Full PDB file with SEQRES, HELIX, SHEET, SSBOND, CRYST1, ORIGX, SCALE, CONECT and MASTER records, all heavy atoms in Angstrom:
SEQRES   1 A   30  PHE LYS ALA ARG GLY GLN THR LEU GLY VAL TRP HIS GLU          
SEQRES   2 A   30  GLN ASN GLY ARG LEU THR THR VAL GLU ASN ASP GLU ALA          
SEQRES   3 A   30  ALA LEU ASN ALA                                              
HELIX    1 AA1 LYS A    2  LEU A    8  1                                   7    
HELIX    2 AA2 GLU A   25  ASN A   29  1                                   5    
SHEET    1 AA1 2 TRP A  11  GLN A  14  0                                        
SHEET    2 AA1 2 ARG A  17  THR A  20 -1                                        
CRYST1    1.000    1.000    1.000  90.00  90.00  90.00 P 1           1          
ORIGX1      1.000000  0.000000  0.000000        0.00000                         
ORIGX2      0.000000  1.000000  0.000000        0.00000                         
ORIGX3      0.000000  0.000000  1.000000        0.00000                         
SCALE1      1.000000  0.000000  0.000000        0.00000                         
SCALE2      0.000000  1.000000  0.000000        0.00000                         
SCALE3      0.000000  0.000000  1.000000        0.00000                         
ATOM      1  N   PHE A   1      13.223 -21.649 -84.333  1.00  0.00           N  
ATOM      2  CA  PHE A   1      11.926 -21.416 -83.688  1.00  0.00           C  
ATOM      3  C   PHE A   1      11.753 -22.234 -82.387  1.00  0.00           C  
ATOM      4  O   PHE A   1      11.284 -21.709 -81.337  1.00  0.00           O  
ATOM      5  CB  PHE A   1      10.687 -21.558 -84.514  1.00  0.00           C  
ATOM      6  CG  PHE A   1      10.563 -20.480 -85.598  1.00  0.00           C  
ATOM      7  CD1 PHE A   1      11.272 -20.603 -86.844  1.00  0.00           C  
ATOM      8  CD2 PHE A   1       9.741 -19.390 -85.379  1.00  0.00           C  
ATOM      9  CE1 PHE A   1      11.191 -19.616 -87.767  1.00  0.00           C  
ATOM     10  CE2 PHE A   1       9.675 -18.401 -86.350  1.00  0.00           C  
ATOM     11  CZ  PHE A   1      10.347 -18.499 -87.561  1.00  0.00           C  
ATOM     12  N   LYS A   2      12.336 -23.367 -82.391  1.00  0.00           N  
ATOM     13  CA  LYS A   2      12.380 -24.274 -81.237  1.00  0.00           C  
ATOM     14  C   LYS A   2      13.158 -23.470 -80.110  1.00  0.00           C  
ATOM     15  O   LYS A   2      12.617 -23.461 -78.991  1.00  0.00           O  
ATOM     16  CB  LYS A   2      13.050 -25.654 -81.489  1.00  0.00           C  
ATOM     17  CG  LYS A   2      13.311 -26.451 -80.374  1.00  0.00           C  
ATOM     18  CD  LYS A   2      14.131 -27.727 -80.721  1.00  0.00           C  
ATOM     19  CE  LYS A   2      14.691 -28.423 -79.571  1.00  0.00           C  
ATOM     20  NZ  LYS A   2      15.385 -29.685 -79.954  1.00  0.00           N  
ATOM     21  N   ALA A   3      14.372 -23.116 -80.418  1.00  0.00           N  
ATOM     22  CA  ALA A   3      15.167 -22.449 -79.456  1.00  0.00           C  
ATOM     23  C   ALA A   3      14.474 -21.113 -78.862  1.00  0.00           C  
ATOM     24  O   ALA A   3      14.522 -20.917 -77.654  1.00  0.00           O  
ATOM     25  CB  ALA A   3      16.526 -22.099 -80.045  1.00  0.00           C  
ATOM     26  N   ARG A   4      13.910 -20.369 -79.741  1.00  0.00           N  
ATOM     27  CA  ARG A   4      13.259 -19.143 -79.331  1.00  0.00           C  
ATOM     28  C   ARG A   4      12.042 -19.359 -78.512  1.00  0.00           C  
ATOM     29  O   ARG A   4      11.837 -18.773 -77.464  1.00  0.00           O  
ATOM     30  CB  ARG A   4      12.947 -18.269 -80.645  1.00  0.00           C  
ATOM     31  CG  ARG A   4      12.646 -16.827 -80.107  1.00  0.00           C  
ATOM     32  CD  ARG A   4      13.925 -16.168 -79.467  1.00  0.00           C  
ATOM     33  NE  ARG A   4      13.663 -14.806 -78.975  1.00  0.00           N  
ATOM     34  CZ  ARG A   4      13.567 -14.451 -77.766  1.00  0.00           C  
ATOM     35  NH1 ARG A   4      13.656 -15.368 -76.884  1.00  0.00           N  
ATOM     36  NH2 ARG A   4      13.352 -13.231 -77.407  1.00  0.00           N  
ATOM     37  N   GLY A   5      11.369 -20.355 -78.882  1.00  0.00           N  
ATOM     38  CA  GLY A   5      10.127 -20.847 -78.066  1.00  0.00           C  
ATOM     39  C   GLY A   5      10.573 -21.313 -76.740  1.00  0.00           C  
ATOM     40  O   GLY A   5       9.794 -20.980 -75.741  1.00  0.00           O  
ATOM     41  N   GLN A   6      11.576 -21.995 -76.548  1.00  0.00           N  
ATOM     42  CA  GLN A   6      12.107 -22.478 -75.264  1.00  0.00           C  
ATOM     43  C   GLN A   6      12.418 -21.312 -74.379  1.00  0.00           C  
ATOM     44  O   GLN A   6      12.131 -21.296 -73.299  1.00  0.00           O  
ATOM     45  CB  GLN A   6      13.231 -23.411 -75.465  1.00  0.00           C  
ATOM     46  CG  GLN A   6      12.763 -24.819 -76.020  1.00  0.00           C  
ATOM     47  CD  GLN A   6      13.973 -25.776 -76.193  1.00  0.00           C  
ATOM     48  OE1 GLN A   6      14.834 -25.332 -77.039  1.00  0.00           O  
ATOM     49  NE2 GLN A   6      13.965 -26.897 -75.644  1.00  0.00           N  
ATOM     50  N   THR A   7      13.187 -20.295 -74.873  1.00  0.00           N  
ATOM     51  CA  THR A   7      13.527 -19.183 -74.118  1.00  0.00           C  
ATOM     52  C   THR A   7      12.335 -18.347 -73.721  1.00  0.00           C  
ATOM     53  O   THR A   7      12.380 -17.659 -72.724  1.00  0.00           O  
ATOM     54  CB  THR A   7      14.665 -18.309 -74.783  1.00  0.00           C  
ATOM     55  OG1 THR A   7      14.007 -17.787 -75.999  1.00  0.00           O  
ATOM     56  CG2 THR A   7      15.836 -18.984 -75.103  1.00  0.00           C  
ATOM     57  N   LEU A   8      11.293 -18.346 -74.529  1.00  0.00           N  
ATOM     58  CA  LEU A   8      10.045 -17.622 -74.199  1.00  0.00           C  
ATOM     59  C   LEU A   8       9.182 -18.412 -73.257  1.00  0.00           C  
ATOM     60  O   LEU A   8       8.096 -17.915 -72.824  1.00  0.00           O  
ATOM     61  CB  LEU A   8       9.296 -17.256 -75.443  1.00  0.00           C  
ATOM     62  CG  LEU A   8       9.923 -16.139 -76.343  1.00  0.00           C  
ATOM     63  CD1 LEU A   8       9.197 -16.024 -77.721  1.00  0.00           C  
ATOM     64  CD2 LEU A   8       9.951 -14.872 -75.570  1.00  0.00           C  
ATOM     65  N   GLY A   9       9.505 -19.676 -72.966  1.00  0.00           N  
ATOM     66  CA  GLY A   9       8.653 -20.477 -72.171  1.00  0.00           C  
ATOM     67  C   GLY A   9       7.430 -21.024 -72.812  1.00  0.00           C  
ATOM     68  O   GLY A   9       6.442 -21.347 -72.086  1.00  0.00           O  
ATOM     69  N   VAL A  10       7.421 -21.214 -74.098  1.00  0.00           N  
ATOM     70  CA  VAL A  10       6.312 -21.669 -74.812  1.00  0.00           C  
ATOM     71  C   VAL A  10       6.149 -23.184 -74.547  1.00  0.00           C  
ATOM     72  O   VAL A  10       5.015 -23.708 -74.439  1.00  0.00           O  
ATOM     73  CB  VAL A  10       6.428 -21.429 -76.393  1.00  0.00           C  
ATOM     74  CG1 VAL A  10       5.386 -22.133 -77.163  1.00  0.00           C  
ATOM     75  CG2 VAL A  10       6.423 -19.887 -76.629  1.00  0.00           C  
ATOM     76  N   TRP A  11       7.291 -23.853 -74.550  1.00  0.00           N  
ATOM     77  CA  TRP A  11       7.269 -25.356 -74.450  1.00  0.00           C  
ATOM     78  C   TRP A  11       8.459 -25.775 -73.583  1.00  0.00           C  
ATOM     79  O   TRP A  11       9.448 -25.105 -73.565  1.00  0.00           O  
ATOM     80  CB  TRP A  11       7.090 -26.071 -75.706  1.00  0.00           C  
ATOM     81  CG  TRP A  11       7.852 -25.566 -76.827  1.00  0.00           C  
ATOM     82  CD1 TRP A  11       9.297 -25.331 -76.865  1.00  0.00           C  
ATOM     83  CD2 TRP A  11       7.439 -25.072 -78.178  1.00  0.00           C  
ATOM     84  NE1 TRP A  11       9.661 -24.854 -78.014  1.00  0.00           N  
ATOM     85  CE2 TRP A  11       8.563 -24.707 -78.851  1.00  0.00           C  
ATOM     86  CE3 TRP A  11       6.215 -25.080 -78.692  1.00  0.00           C  
ATOM     87  CZ2 TRP A  11       8.475 -24.208 -80.161  1.00  0.00           C  
ATOM     88  CZ3 TRP A  11       6.053 -24.626 -79.978  1.00  0.00           C  
ATOM     89  CH2 TRP A  11       7.243 -24.172 -80.657  1.00  0.00           C  
ATOM     90  N   HIS A  12       8.447 -27.037 -73.190  1.00  0.00           N  
ATOM     91  CA  HIS A  12       9.675 -27.641 -72.664  1.00  0.00           C  
ATOM     92  C   HIS A  12       9.938 -28.905 -73.459  1.00  0.00           C  
ATOM     93  O   HIS A  12       9.001 -29.460 -74.067  1.00  0.00           O  
ATOM     94  CB  HIS A  12       9.468 -27.988 -71.148  1.00  0.00           C  
ATOM     95  CG  HIS A  12       8.456 -28.958 -70.864  1.00  0.00           C  
ATOM     96  ND1 HIS A  12       7.100 -28.583 -70.678  1.00  0.00           N  
ATOM     97  CD2 HIS A  12       8.521 -30.286 -70.624  1.00  0.00           C  
ATOM     98  CE1 HIS A  12       6.345 -29.822 -70.430  1.00  0.00           C  
ATOM     99  NE2 HIS A  12       7.181 -30.747 -70.462  1.00  0.00           N  
ATOM    100  N   GLU A  13      11.210 -29.323 -73.421  1.00  0.00           N  
ATOM    101  CA  GLU A  13      11.574 -30.565 -74.200  1.00  0.00           C  
ATOM    102  C   GLU A  13      11.850 -31.653 -73.257  1.00  0.00           C  
ATOM    103  O   GLU A  13      12.502 -31.580 -72.244  1.00  0.00           O  
ATOM    104  CB  GLU A  13      12.817 -30.234 -74.951  1.00  0.00           C  
ATOM    105  CG  GLU A  13      13.218 -31.346 -75.912  1.00  0.00           C  
ATOM    106  CD  GLU A  13      14.394 -31.017 -76.907  1.00  0.00           C  
ATOM    107  OE1 GLU A  13      15.018 -30.002 -76.690  1.00  0.00           O  
ATOM    108  OE2 GLU A  13      14.504 -31.690 -77.815  1.00  0.00           O  
ATOM    109  N   GLN A  14      11.424 -32.845 -73.598  1.00  0.00           N  
ATOM    110  CA  GLN A  14      11.619 -34.046 -72.967  1.00  0.00           C  
ATOM    111  C   GLN A  14      11.570 -35.263 -73.900  1.00  0.00           C  
ATOM    112  O   GLN A  14      10.609 -35.345 -74.754  1.00  0.00           O  
ATOM    113  CB  GLN A  14      10.681 -34.275 -71.741  1.00  0.00           C  
ATOM    114  CG  GLN A  14      10.893 -35.423 -70.887  1.00  0.00           C  
ATOM    115  CD  GLN A  14       9.953 -35.551 -69.734  1.00  0.00           C  
ATOM    116  OE1 GLN A  14       8.944 -34.866 -69.669  1.00  0.00           O  
ATOM    117  NE2 GLN A  14      10.306 -36.429 -68.835  1.00  0.00           N  
ATOM    118  N   ASN A  15      12.535 -36.120 -73.954  1.00  0.00           N  
ATOM    119  CA  ASN A  15      12.557 -37.241 -74.740  1.00  0.00           C  
ATOM    120  C   ASN A  15      12.420 -36.944 -76.281  1.00  0.00           C  
ATOM    121  O   ASN A  15      11.617 -37.545 -77.056  1.00  0.00           O  
ATOM    122  CB  ASN A  15      11.509 -38.285 -74.386  1.00  0.00           C  
ATOM    123  CG  ASN A  15      11.659 -38.773 -72.926  1.00  0.00           C  
ATOM    124  OD1 ASN A  15      12.826 -38.952 -72.522  1.00  0.00           O  
ATOM    125  ND2 ASN A  15      10.570 -39.008 -72.284  1.00  0.00           N  
ATOM    126  N   GLY A  16      13.039 -35.819 -76.715  1.00  0.00           N  
ATOM    127  CA  GLY A  16      13.068 -35.513 -78.135  1.00  0.00           C  
ATOM    128  C   GLY A  16      11.816 -34.854 -78.590  1.00  0.00           C  
ATOM    129  O   GLY A  16      11.567 -34.810 -79.913  1.00  0.00           O  
ATOM    130  N   ARG A  17      10.930 -34.393 -77.735  1.00  0.00           N  
ATOM    131  CA  ARG A  17       9.774 -33.838 -78.112  1.00  0.00           C  
ATOM    132  C   ARG A  17       9.424 -32.641 -77.313  1.00  0.00           C  
ATOM    133  O   ARG A  17       9.836 -32.539 -76.109  1.00  0.00           O  
ATOM    134  CB  ARG A  17       8.542 -34.803 -78.093  1.00  0.00           C  
ATOM    135  CG  ARG A  17       8.121 -35.150 -76.833  1.00  0.00           C  
ATOM    136  CD  ARG A  17       7.053 -36.277 -76.914  1.00  0.00           C  
ATOM    137  NE  ARG A  17       5.770 -35.761 -76.366  1.00  0.00           N  
ATOM    138  CZ  ARG A  17       4.648 -36.432 -76.388  1.00  0.00           C  
ATOM    139  NH1 ARG A  17       4.642 -37.624 -76.953  1.00  0.00           N  
ATOM    140  NH2 ARG A  17       3.528 -35.957 -75.860  1.00  0.00           N  
ATOM    141  N   LEU A  18       8.722 -31.626 -77.854  1.00  0.00           N  
ATOM    142  CA  LEU A  18       8.390 -30.346 -77.189  1.00  0.00           C  
ATOM    143  C   LEU A  18       6.878 -30.525 -76.770  1.00  0.00           C  
ATOM    144  O   LEU A  18       6.089 -31.024 -77.457  1.00  0.00           O  
ATOM    145  CB  LEU A  18       8.523 -29.179 -78.058  1.00  0.00           C  
ATOM    146  CG  LEU A  18       9.953 -28.935 -78.588  1.00  0.00           C  
ATOM    147  CD1 LEU A  18       9.896 -27.908 -79.682  1.00  0.00           C  
ATOM    148  CD2 LEU A  18      10.859 -28.599 -77.498  1.00  0.00           C  
ATOM    149  N   THR A  19       6.630 -30.028 -75.585  1.00  0.00           N  
ATOM    150  CA  THR A  19       5.221 -30.029 -75.065  1.00  0.00           C  
ATOM    151  C   THR A  19       4.927 -28.646 -74.577  1.00  0.00           C  
ATOM    152  O   THR A  19       5.721 -28.023 -73.848  1.00  0.00           O  
ATOM    153  CB  THR A  19       4.968 -30.995 -73.874  1.00  0.00           C  
ATOM    154  OG1 THR A  19       5.407 -32.265 -74.368  1.00  0.00           O  
ATOM    155  CG2 THR A  19       3.562 -31.087 -73.486  1.00  0.00           C  
ATOM    156  N   THR A  20       3.726 -28.061 -74.954  1.00  0.00           N  
ATOM    157  CA  THR A  20       3.433 -26.809 -74.565  1.00  0.00           C  
ATOM    158  C   THR A  20       3.294 -26.723 -72.995  1.00  0.00           C  
ATOM    159  O   THR A  20       2.872 -27.661 -72.371  1.00  0.00           O  
ATOM    160  CB  THR A  20       1.993 -26.340 -75.113  1.00  0.00           C  
ATOM    161  OG1 THR A  20       0.960 -27.289 -74.683  1.00  0.00           O  
ATOM    162  CG2 THR A  20       2.028 -26.150 -76.570  1.00  0.00           C  
ATOM    163  N   VAL A  21       3.803 -25.581 -72.474  1.00  0.00           N  
ATOM    164  CA  VAL A  21       3.703 -25.348 -71.031  1.00  0.00           C  
ATOM    165  C   VAL A  21       2.258 -25.134 -70.532  1.00  0.00           C  
ATOM    166  O   VAL A  21       1.857 -25.608 -69.553  1.00  0.00           O  
ATOM    167  CB  VAL A  21       4.579 -24.224 -70.593  1.00  0.00           C  
ATOM    168  CG1 VAL A  21       4.470 -23.947 -69.107  1.00  0.00           C  
ATOM    169  CG2 VAL A  21       6.077 -24.623 -70.939  1.00  0.00           C  
ATOM    170  N   GLU A  22       1.489 -24.359 -71.350  1.00  0.00           N  
ATOM    171  CA  GLU A  22       0.180 -24.048 -71.012  1.00  0.00           C  
ATOM    172  C   GLU A  22      -0.808 -25.047 -71.748  1.00  0.00           C  
ATOM    173  O   GLU A  22      -0.439 -25.449 -72.838  1.00  0.00           O  
ATOM    174  CB  GLU A  22      -0.187 -22.590 -71.436  1.00  0.00           C  
ATOM    175  CG  GLU A  22       0.488 -21.551 -70.698  1.00  0.00           C  
ATOM    176  CD  GLU A  22      -0.015 -21.323 -69.237  1.00  0.00           C  
ATOM    177  OE1 GLU A  22      -1.113 -21.844 -68.968  1.00  0.00           O  
ATOM    178  OE2 GLU A  22       0.715 -20.629 -68.477  1.00  0.00           O  
ATOM    179  N   ASN A  23      -1.977 -25.241 -71.228  1.00  0.00           N  
ATOM    180  CA  ASN A  23      -2.919 -25.981 -71.942  1.00  0.00           C  
ATOM    181  C   ASN A  23      -4.282 -25.289 -71.977  1.00  0.00           C  
ATOM    182  O   ASN A  23      -5.082 -25.708 -72.835  1.00  0.00           O  
ATOM    183  CB  ASN A  23      -3.165 -27.345 -71.216  1.00  0.00           C  
ATOM    184  CG  ASN A  23      -2.091 -28.241 -71.458  1.00  0.00           C  
ATOM    185  OD1 ASN A  23      -1.640 -28.498 -72.555  1.00  0.00           O  
ATOM    186  ND2 ASN A  23      -1.520 -28.860 -70.389  1.00  0.00           N  
ATOM    187  N   ASP A  24      -4.407 -24.193 -71.370  1.00  0.00           N  
ATOM    188  CA  ASP A  24      -5.620 -23.402 -71.446  1.00  0.00           C  
ATOM    189  C   ASP A  24      -5.695 -22.626 -72.682  1.00  0.00           C  
ATOM    190  O   ASP A  24      -4.705 -22.004 -73.070  1.00  0.00           O  
ATOM    191  CB  ASP A  24      -5.710 -22.380 -70.241  1.00  0.00           C  
ATOM    192  CG  ASP A  24      -6.919 -21.478 -70.245  1.00  0.00           C  
ATOM    193  OD1 ASP A  24      -8.035 -21.959 -70.073  1.00  0.00           O  
ATOM    194  OD2 ASP A  24      -6.619 -20.248 -70.556  1.00  0.00           O  
ATOM    195  N   GLU A  25      -6.822 -22.599 -73.422  1.00  0.00           N  
ATOM    196  CA  GLU A  25      -6.955 -22.018 -74.734  1.00  0.00           C  
ATOM    197  C   GLU A  25      -6.543 -20.512 -74.745  1.00  0.00           C  
ATOM    198  O   GLU A  25      -5.770 -20.055 -75.595  1.00  0.00           O  
ATOM    199  CB  GLU A  25      -8.403 -22.169 -75.268  1.00  0.00           C  
ATOM    200  CG  GLU A  25      -8.519 -21.492 -76.643  1.00  0.00           C  
ATOM    201  CD  GLU A  25      -9.952 -21.722 -77.181  1.00  0.00           C  
ATOM    202  OE1 GLU A  25     -10.802 -22.408 -76.595  1.00  0.00           O  
ATOM    203  OE2 GLU A  25     -10.247 -21.167 -78.269  1.00  0.00           O  
ATOM    204  N   ALA A  26      -7.178 -19.702 -73.771  1.00  0.00           N  
ATOM    205  CA  ALA A  26      -6.855 -18.338 -73.637  1.00  0.00           C  
ATOM    206  C   ALA A  26      -5.376 -17.997 -73.429  1.00  0.00           C  
ATOM    207  O   ALA A  26      -4.779 -17.232 -74.072  1.00  0.00           O  
ATOM    208  CB  ALA A  26      -7.698 -17.635 -72.590  1.00  0.00           C  
ATOM    209  N   ALA A  27      -4.855 -18.828 -72.493  1.00  0.00           N  
ATOM    210  CA  ALA A  27      -3.333 -18.677 -72.257  1.00  0.00           C  
ATOM    211  C   ALA A  27      -2.535 -19.054 -73.392  1.00  0.00           C  
ATOM    212  O   ALA A  27      -1.495 -18.310 -73.745  1.00  0.00           O  
ATOM    213  CB  ALA A  27      -2.982 -19.603 -70.990  1.00  0.00           C  
ATOM    214  N   LEU A  28      -2.911 -20.047 -74.163  1.00  0.00           N  
ATOM    215  CA  LEU A  28      -2.133 -20.453 -75.366  1.00  0.00           C  
ATOM    216  C   LEU A  28      -2.282 -19.367 -76.451  1.00  0.00           C  
ATOM    217  O   LEU A  28      -1.352 -19.055 -77.217  1.00  0.00           O  
ATOM    218  CB  LEU A  28      -2.541 -21.822 -75.931  1.00  0.00           C  
ATOM    219  CG  LEU A  28      -2.045 -22.951 -75.101  1.00  0.00           C  
ATOM    220  CD1 LEU A  28      -2.771 -24.306 -75.422  1.00  0.00           C  
ATOM    221  CD2 LEU A  28      -0.587 -23.181 -75.323  1.00  0.00           C  
ATOM    222  N   ASN A  29      -3.506 -18.740 -76.628  1.00  0.00           N  
ATOM    223  CA  ASN A  29      -3.613 -17.657 -77.563  1.00  0.00           C  
ATOM    224  C   ASN A  29      -2.654 -16.596 -77.208  1.00  0.00           C  
ATOM    225  O   ASN A  29      -1.960 -16.063 -78.124  1.00  0.00           O  
ATOM    226  CB  ASN A  29      -5.041 -17.121 -77.427  1.00  0.00           C  
ATOM    227  CG  ASN A  29      -6.088 -18.100 -78.074  1.00  0.00           C  
ATOM    228  OD1 ASN A  29      -5.728 -19.012 -78.788  1.00  0.00           O  
ATOM    229  ND2 ASN A  29      -7.355 -17.831 -77.767  1.00  0.00           N  
ATOM    230  N   ALA A  30      -2.492 -16.199 -75.976  1.00  0.00           N  
ATOM    231  CA  ALA A  30      -1.614 -15.165 -75.483  1.00  0.00           C  
ATOM    232  C   ALA A  30      -0.141 -15.545 -75.780  1.00  0.00           C  
ATOM    233  O   ALA A  30       0.626 -14.743 -76.191  1.00  0.00           O  
ATOM    234  CB  ALA A  30      -1.889 -14.830 -74.079  1.00  0.00           C  
TER     235      ALA A  30                                                      
MASTER        0    0    0    2    2    0    0    6  234    1    0    3          
END                                                                             
């Protein structure tokens, strides 16, 4: 799921952790 989320642009990885690309609630819902 990590790999698939990265290819979909859900999050980016830095220092061994993933962070969501979006922060807006509506955008994250979508």
